[in-house]
Amino acid sequence: DKKGDCAILKRFVELSGGKAGKLVIMTTA
């Protein structure tokens, strides 16, 4: 889900530190 509550992607953001996080999106595939 990318448009509703995005529960799975939200979990990734939370696990990565939220506002304090540094996220890297790997587009190699």
PDB file of all heavy atoms in Angstrom:
ATOM      1  N   ASP A   1       0.846  -1.196   0.000  1.00  0.00           N
ATOM      2  CA  ASP A   1       0.000   0.000   0.000  1.00  0.00           C
ATOM      3  C   ASP A   1       0.883   1.248   0.000  1.00  0.00           C
ATOM      4  O   ASP A   1       1.723   1.431   0.880  1.00  0.00           O
ATOM      5  CB  ASP A   1      -0.897  -0.032   1.242  1.00  0.00           C
ATOM      6  CG  ASP A   1      -1.690   1.252   1.432  1.00  0.00           C
ATOM      7  OD1 ASP A   1      -1.945   1.940   0.422  1.00  0.00           O
ATOM      8  OD2 ASP A   1      -2.064   1.551   2.576  1.00  0.00           O
ATOM      9  N   LYS A   2       0.667   2.110  -1.002  1.00  0.00           N
ATOM     10  CA  LYS A   2       1.444   3.351  -1.111  1.00  0.00           C
ATOM     11  C   LYS A   2       0.571   4.594  -0.989  1.00  0.00           C
ATOM     12  O   LYS A   2       1.085   5.714  -1.031  1.00  0.00           O
ATOM     13  CB  LYS A   2       2.189   3.399  -2.455  1.00  0.00           C
ATOM     14  CG  LYS A   2       3.176   2.273  -2.685  1.00  0.00           C
ATOM     15  CD  LYS A   2       3.907   2.477  -4.016  1.00  0.00           C
ATOM     16  CE  LYS A   2       4.876   1.358  -4.317  1.00  0.00           C
ATOM     17  NZ  LYS A   2       4.188   0.116  -4.717  1.00  0.00           N
ATOM     18  N   LYS A   3      -0.758   4.403  -0.847  1.00  0.00           N
ATOM     19  CA  LYS A   3      -1.660   5.558  -0.853  1.00  0.00           C
ATOM     20  C   LYS A   3      -2.529   5.659   0.390  1.00  0.00           C
ATOM     21  O   LYS A   3      -2.998   6.745   0.726  1.00  0.00           O
ATOM     22  CB  LYS A   3      -2.554   5.500  -2.093  1.00  0.00           C
ATOM     23  CG  LYS A   3      -1.775   5.650  -3.390  1.00  0.00           C
ATOM     24  CD  LYS A   3      -2.682   5.588  -4.606  1.00  0.00           C
ATOM     25  CE  LYS A   3      -1.867   5.769  -5.894  1.00  0.00           C
ATOM     26  NZ  LYS A   3      -2.707   5.642  -7.114  1.00  0.00           N
ATOM     27  N   GLY A   4      -2.784   4.544   1.071  1.00  0.00           N
ATOM     28  CA  GLY A   4      -3.625   4.560   2.268  1.00  0.00           C
ATOM     29  C   GLY A   4      -2.800   4.891   3.499  1.00  0.00           C
ATOM     30  O   GLY A   4      -2.055   5.872   3.526  1.00  0.00           O
ATOM     31  N   ASP A   5      -2.917   4.039   4.532  1.00  0.00           N
ATOM     32  CA  ASP A   5      -2.122   4.293   5.743  1.00  0.00           C
ATOM     33  C   ASP A   5      -0.691   3.799   5.610  1.00  0.00           C
ATOM     34  O   ASP A   5       0.145   4.056   6.474  1.00  0.00           O
ATOM     35  CB  ASP A   5      -2.794   3.681   6.978  1.00  0.00           C
ATOM     36  CG  ASP A   5      -2.914   2.169   6.894  1.00  0.00           C
ATOM     37  OD1 ASP A   5      -2.456   1.576   5.901  1.00  0.00           O
ATOM     38  OD2 ASP A   5      -3.468   1.583   7.843  1.00  0.00           O
ATOM     39  N   CYS A   6      -0.383   3.074   4.517  1.00  0.00           N
ATOM     40  CA  CYS A   6       1.001   2.669   4.193  1.00  0.00           C
ATOM     41  C   CYS A   6       1.684   1.995   5.389  1.00  0.00           C
ATOM     42  O   CYS A   6       2.831   2.330   5.731  1.00  0.00           O
ATOM     43  CB  CYS A   6       1.835   3.865   3.733  1.00  0.00           C
ATOM     44  SG  CYS A   6       1.157   4.754   2.335  1.00  0.00           S
ATOM     45  N   ALA A   7       0.989   1.042   6.017  1.00  0.00           N
ATOM     46  CA  ALA A   7       1.472   0.451   7.272  1.00  0.00           C
ATOM     47  C   ALA A   7       2.864  -0.167   7.131  1.00  0.00           C
ATOM     48  O   ALA A   7       3.705  -0.020   8.026  1.00  0.00           O
ATOM     49  CB  ALA A   7       0.481  -0.597   7.756  1.00  0.00           C
ATOM     50  N   ILE A   8       3.117  -0.843   6.014  1.00  0.00           N
ATOM     51  CA  ILE A   8       4.411  -1.522   5.858  1.00  0.00           C
ATOM     52  C   ILE A   8       5.534  -0.511   5.649  1.00  0.00           C
ATOM     53  O   ILE A   8       6.583  -0.582   6.317  1.00  0.00           O
ATOM     54  CB  ILE A   8       4.349  -2.521   4.687  1.00  0.00           C
ATOM     55  CG1 ILE A   8       3.384  -3.663   5.027  1.00  0.00           C
ATOM     56  CG2 ILE A   8       5.733  -3.074   4.370  1.00  0.00           C
ATOM     57  CD1 ILE A   8       3.091  -4.590   3.868  1.00  0.00           C
ATOM     58  N   LEU A   9       5.325   0.443   4.766  1.00  0.00           N
ATOM     59  CA  LEU A   9       6.366   1.445   4.502  1.00  0.00           C
ATOM     60  C   LEU A   9       6.566   2.348   5.720  1.00  0.00           C
ATOM     61  O   LEU A   9       7.687   2.789   5.999  1.00  0.00           O
ATOM     62  CB  LEU A   9       6.004   2.268   3.265  1.00  0.00           C
ATOM     63  CG  LEU A   9       5.918   1.458   1.958  1.00  0.00           C
ATOM     64  CD1 LEU A   9       5.496   2.346   0.801  1.00  0.00           C
ATOM     65  CD2 LEU A   9       7.248   0.769   1.647  1.00  0.00           C
ATOM     66  N   LYS A  10       5.478   2.583   6.462  1.00  0.00           N
ATOM     67  CA  LYS A  10       5.593   3.368   7.696  1.00  0.00           C
ATOM     68  C   LYS A  10       6.454   2.631   8.719  1.00  0.00           C
ATOM     69  O   LYS A  10       7.260   3.250   9.425  1.00  0.00           O
ATOM     70  CB  LYS A  10       4.195   3.634   8.269  1.00  0.00           C
ATOM     71  CG  LYS A  10       4.162   4.611   9.440  1.00  0.00           C
ATOM     72  CD  LYS A  10       2.749   4.773   9.986  1.00  0.00           C
ATOM     73  CE  LYS A  10       1.855   5.491   8.990  1.00  0.00           C
ATOM     74  NZ  LYS A  10       0.479   5.668   9.527  1.00  0.00           N
ATOM     75  N   ARG A  11       6.315   1.300   8.773  1.00  0.00           N
ATOM     76  CA  ARG A  11       7.143   0.520   9.697  1.00  0.00           C
ATOM     77  C   ARG A  11       8.627   0.656   9.344  1.00  0.00           C
ATOM     78  O   ARG A  11       9.479   0.761  10.226  1.00  0.00           O
ATOM     79  CB  ARG A  11       6.721  -0.954   9.667  1.00  0.00           C
ATOM     80  CG  ARG A  11       7.565  -1.870  10.555  1.00  0.00           C
ATOM     81  CD  ARG A  11       7.352  -1.625  12.041  1.00  0.00           C
ATOM     82  NE  ARG A  11       6.035  -2.042  12.450  1.00  0.00           N
ATOM     83  CZ  ARG A  11       5.755  -3.274  12.902  1.00  0.00           C
ATOM     84  NH1 ARG A  11       6.718  -4.173  13.026  1.00  0.00           N
ATOM     85  NH2 ARG A  11       4.536  -3.585  13.251  1.00  0.00           N
ATOM     86  N   PHE A  12       8.931   0.659   8.048  1.00  0.00           N
ATOM     87  CA  PHE A  12      10.326   0.838   7.632  1.00  0.00           C
ATOM     88  C   PHE A  12      10.871   2.182   8.115  1.00  0.00           C
ATOM     89  O   PHE A  12      11.984   2.255   8.656  1.00  0.00           O
ATOM     90  CB  PHE A  12      10.450   0.743   6.112  1.00  0.00           C
ATOM     91  CG  PHE A  12      11.806   1.142   5.589  1.00  0.00           C
ATOM     92  CD1 PHE A  12      12.930   0.370   5.864  1.00  0.00           C
ATOM     93  CD2 PHE A  12      11.963   2.302   4.843  1.00  0.00           C
ATOM     94  CE1 PHE A  12      14.187   0.745   5.408  1.00  0.00           C
ATOM     95  CE2 PHE A  12      13.214   2.681   4.378  1.00  0.00           C
ATOM     96  CZ  PHE A  12      14.327   1.903   4.653  1.00  0.00           C
ATOM     97  N   VAL A  13      10.092   3.238   7.945  1.00  0.00           N
ATOM     98  CA  VAL A  13      10.528   4.564   8.385  1.00  0.00           C
ATOM     99  C   VAL A  13      10.756   4.572   9.895  1.00  0.00           C
ATOM    100  O   VAL A  13      11.766   5.098  10.388  1.00  0.00           O
ATOM    101  CB  VAL A  13       9.495   5.638   7.972  1.00  0.00           C
ATOM    102  CG1 VAL A  13       9.834   6.984   8.617  1.00  0.00           C
ATOM    103  CG2 VAL A  13       9.445   5.777   6.454  1.00  0.00           C
ATOM    104  N   GLU A  14       9.829   3.972  10.633  1.00  0.00           N
ATOM    105  CA  GLU A  14       9.951   3.933  12.102  1.00  0.00           C
ATOM    106  C   GLU A  14      11.187   3.145  12.532  1.00  0.00           C
ATOM    107  O   GLU A  14      11.940   3.583  13.412  1.00  0.00           O
ATOM    108  CB  GLU A  14       8.694   3.313  12.711  1.00  0.00           C
ATOM    109  CG  GLU A  14       7.454   4.179  12.570  1.00  0.00           C
ATOM    110  CD  GLU A  14       6.166   3.438  12.931  1.00  0.00           C
ATOM    111  OE1 GLU A  14       6.246   2.195  13.158  1.00  0.00           O
ATOM    112  OE2 GLU A  14       5.108   4.076  12.975  1.00  0.00           O
ATOM    113  N   LEU A  15      11.382   1.958  11.932  1.00  0.00           N
ATOM    114  CA  LEU A  15      12.534   1.128  12.292  1.00  0.00           C
ATOM    115  C   LEU A  15      13.854   1.812  11.959  1.00  0.00           C
ATOM    116  O   LEU A  15      14.889   1.538  12.577  1.00  0.00           O
ATOM    117  CB  LEU A  15      12.460  -0.218  11.560  1.00  0.00           C
ATOM    118  CG  LEU A  15      11.367  -1.194  12.008  1.00  0.00           C
ATOM    119  CD1 LEU A  15      11.272  -2.364  11.040  1.00  0.00           C
ATOM    120  CD2 LEU A  15      11.630  -1.685  13.421  1.00  0.00           C
ATOM    121  N   SER A  16      13.814   2.718  10.956  1.00  0.00           N
ATOM    122  CA  SER A  16      15.028   3.403  10.507  1.00  0.00           C
ATOM    123  C   SER A  16      15.323   4.680  11.295  1.00  0.00           C
ATOM    124  O   SER A  16      16.298   5.368  11.013  1.00  0.00           O
ATOM    125  CB  SER A  16      14.915   3.746   9.020  1.00  0.00           C
ATOM    126  OG  SER A  16      14.700   2.583   8.251  1.00  0.00           O
ATOM    127  N   GLY A  17      14.464   4.990  12.271  1.00  0.00           N
ATOM    128  CA  GLY A  17      14.743   6.146  13.124  1.00  0.00           C
ATOM    129  C   GLY A  17      13.861   7.348  12.897  1.00  0.00           C
ATOM    130  O   GLY A  17      14.090   8.410  13.486  1.00  0.00           O
ATOM    131  N   GLY A  18      12.845   7.236  12.028  1.00  0.00           N
ATOM    132  CA  GLY A  18      11.927   8.351  11.811  1.00  0.00           C
ATOM    133  C   GLY A  18      12.635   9.605  11.341  1.00  0.00           C
ATOM    134  O   GLY A  18      13.467   9.581  10.433  1.00  0.00           O
ATOM    135  N   LYS A  19      12.320  10.726  11.971  1.00  0.00           N
ATOM    136  CA  LYS A  19      12.902  12.018  11.592  1.00  0.00           C
ATOM    137  C   LYS A  19      14.417  12.052  11.747  1.00  0.00           C
ATOM    138  O   LYS A  19      15.116  12.807  11.079  1.00  0.00           O
ATOM    139  CB  LYS A  19      12.280  13.135  12.444  1.00  0.00           C
ATOM    140  CG  LYS A  19      10.841  13.481  12.103  1.00  0.00           C
ATOM    141  CD  LYS A  19      10.767  14.225  10.777  1.00  0.00           C
ATOM    142  CE  LYS A  19       9.328  14.685  10.508  1.00  0.00           C
ATOM    143  NZ  LYS A  19       9.202  15.288   9.145  1.00  0.00           N
ATOM    144  N   ALA A  20      14.930  11.226  12.655  1.00  0.00           N
ATOM    145  CA  ALA A  20      16.378  11.194  12.887  1.00  0.00           C
ATOM    146  C   ALA A  20      17.091  10.240  11.927  1.00  0.00           C
ATOM    147  O   ALA A  20      18.312  10.135  11.943  1.00  0.00           O
ATOM    148  CB  ALA A  20      16.659  10.783  14.332  1.00  0.00           C
ATOM    149  N   GLY A  21      16.318   9.534  11.084  1.00  0.00           N
ATOM    150  CA  GLY A  21      16.895   8.512  10.226  1.00  0.00           C
ATOM    151  C   GLY A  21      17.547   9.059   8.966  1.00  0.00           C
ATOM    152  O   GLY A  21      17.278  10.180   8.526  1.00  0.00           O
ATOM    153  N   LYS A  22      18.415   8.233   8.394  1.00  0.00           N
ATOM    154  CA  LYS A  22      19.026   8.518   7.087  1.00  0.00           C
ATOM    155  C   LYS A  22      18.669   7.339   6.178  1.00  0.00           C
ATOM    156  O   LYS A  22      19.233   6.256   6.314  1.00  0.00           O
ATOM    157  CB  LYS A  22      20.536   8.663   7.214  1.00  0.00           C
ATOM    158  CG  LYS A  22      20.984   9.897   7.981  1.00  0.00           C
ATOM    159  CD  LYS A  22      22.498  10.029   7.982  1.00  0.00           C
ATOM    160  CE  LYS A  22      22.938  11.294   8.702  1.00  0.00           C
ATOM    161  NZ  LYS A  22      24.420  11.443   8.698  1.00  0.00           N
ATOM    162  N   LEU A  23      17.716   7.562   5.287  1.00  0.00           N
ATOM    163  CA  LEU A  23      17.190   6.494   4.450  1.00  0.00           C
ATOM    164  C   LEU A  23      17.845   6.523   3.066  1.00  0.00           C
ATOM    165  O   LEU A  23      18.011   7.593   2.475  1.00  0.00           O
ATOM    166  CB  LEU A  23      15.670   6.628   4.287  1.00  0.00           C
ATOM    167  CG  LEU A  23      14.850   6.838   5.560  1.00  0.00           C
ATOM    168  CD1 LEU A  23      13.365   6.787   5.237  1.00  0.00           C
ATOM    169  CD2 LEU A  23      15.195   5.803   6.609  1.00  0.00           C
ATOM    170  N   VAL A  24      18.165   5.352   2.575  1.00  0.00           N
ATOM    171  CA  VAL A  24      18.743   5.225   1.230  1.00  0.00           C
ATOM    172  C   VAL A  24      17.835   4.320   0.400  1.00  0.00           C
ATOM    173  O   VAL A  24      17.518   3.197   0.814  1.00  0.00           O
ATOM    174  CB  VAL A  24      20.170   4.639   1.291  1.00  0.00           C
ATOM    175  CG1 VAL A  24      20.710   4.414  -0.123  1.00  0.00           C
ATOM    176  CG2 VAL A  24      21.096   5.568   2.061  1.00  0.00           C
ATOM    177  N   ILE A  25      17.399   4.808  -0.750  1.00  0.00           N
ATOM    178  CA  ILE A  25      16.555   4.046  -1.666  1.00  0.00           C
ATOM    179  C   ILE A  25      17.446   3.475  -2.765  1.00  0.00           C
ATOM    180  O   ILE A  25      18.030   4.226  -3.553  1.00  0.00           O
ATOM    181  CB  ILE A  25      15.462   4.945  -2.279  1.00  0.00           C
ATOM    182  CG1 ILE A  25      14.597   5.551  -1.175  1.00  0.00           C
ATOM    183  CG2 ILE A  25      14.602   4.146  -3.266  1.00  0.00           C
ATOM    184  CD1 ILE A  25      13.737   6.722  -1.633  1.00  0.00           C
ATOM    185  N   MET A  26      17.557   2.154  -2.812  1.00  0.00           N
ATOM    186  CA  MET A  26      18.402   1.463  -3.792  1.00  0.00           C
ATOM    187  C   MET A  26      17.544   1.083  -5.005  1.00  0.00           C
ATOM    188  O   MET A  26      16.646   0.253  -4.892  1.00  0.00           O
ATOM    189  CB  MET A  26      19.025   0.212  -3.172  1.00  0.00           C
ATOM    190  CG  MET A  26      19.874   0.453  -1.940  1.00  0.00           C
ATOM    191  SD  MET A  26      21.489   1.161  -2.322  1.00  0.00           S
ATOM    192  CE  MET A  26      22.305  -0.226  -3.116  1.00  0.00           C
ATOM    193  N   THR A  27      17.838   1.656  -6.160  1.00  0.00           N
ATOM    194  CA  THR A  27      17.017   1.431  -7.357  1.00  0.00           C
ATOM    195  C   THR A  27      17.709   0.510  -8.367  1.00  0.00           C
ATOM    196  O   THR A  27      17.321   0.479  -9.536  1.00  0.00           O
ATOM    197  CB  THR A  27      16.685   2.771  -8.026  1.00  0.00           C
ATOM    198  OG1 THR A  27      17.914   3.468  -8.305  1.00  0.00           O
ATOM    199  CG2 THR A  27      15.810   3.638  -7.131  1.00  0.00           C
ATOM    200  N   THR A  28      18.693  -0.237  -7.937  1.00  0.00           N
ATOM    201  CA  THR A  28      19.461  -1.093  -8.841  1.00  0.00           C
ATOM    202  C   THR A  28      18.583  -2.081  -9.612  1.00  0.00           C
ATOM    203  O   THR A  28      18.841  -2.387 -10.775  1.00  0.00           O
ATOM    204  CB  THR A  28      20.540  -1.861  -8.050  1.00  0.00           C
ATOM    205  OG1 THR A  28      21.384  -0.911  -7.392  1.00  0.00           O
ATOM    206  CG2 THR A  28      21.394  -2.726  -8.958  1.00  0.00           C
ATOM    207  N   ALA A  29      17.526  -2.596  -8.971  1.00  0.00           N
ATOM    208  CA  ALA A  29      16.715  -3.647  -9.589  1.00  0.00           C
ATOM    209  C   ALA A  29      15.889  -3.157 -10.768  1.00  0.00           C
ATOM    210  O   ALA A  29      15.559  -3.933 -11.669  1.00  0.00           O
ATOM    211  CB  ALA A  29      15.797  -4.277  -8.545  1.00  0.00           C
TER     212      ALA A  29
END
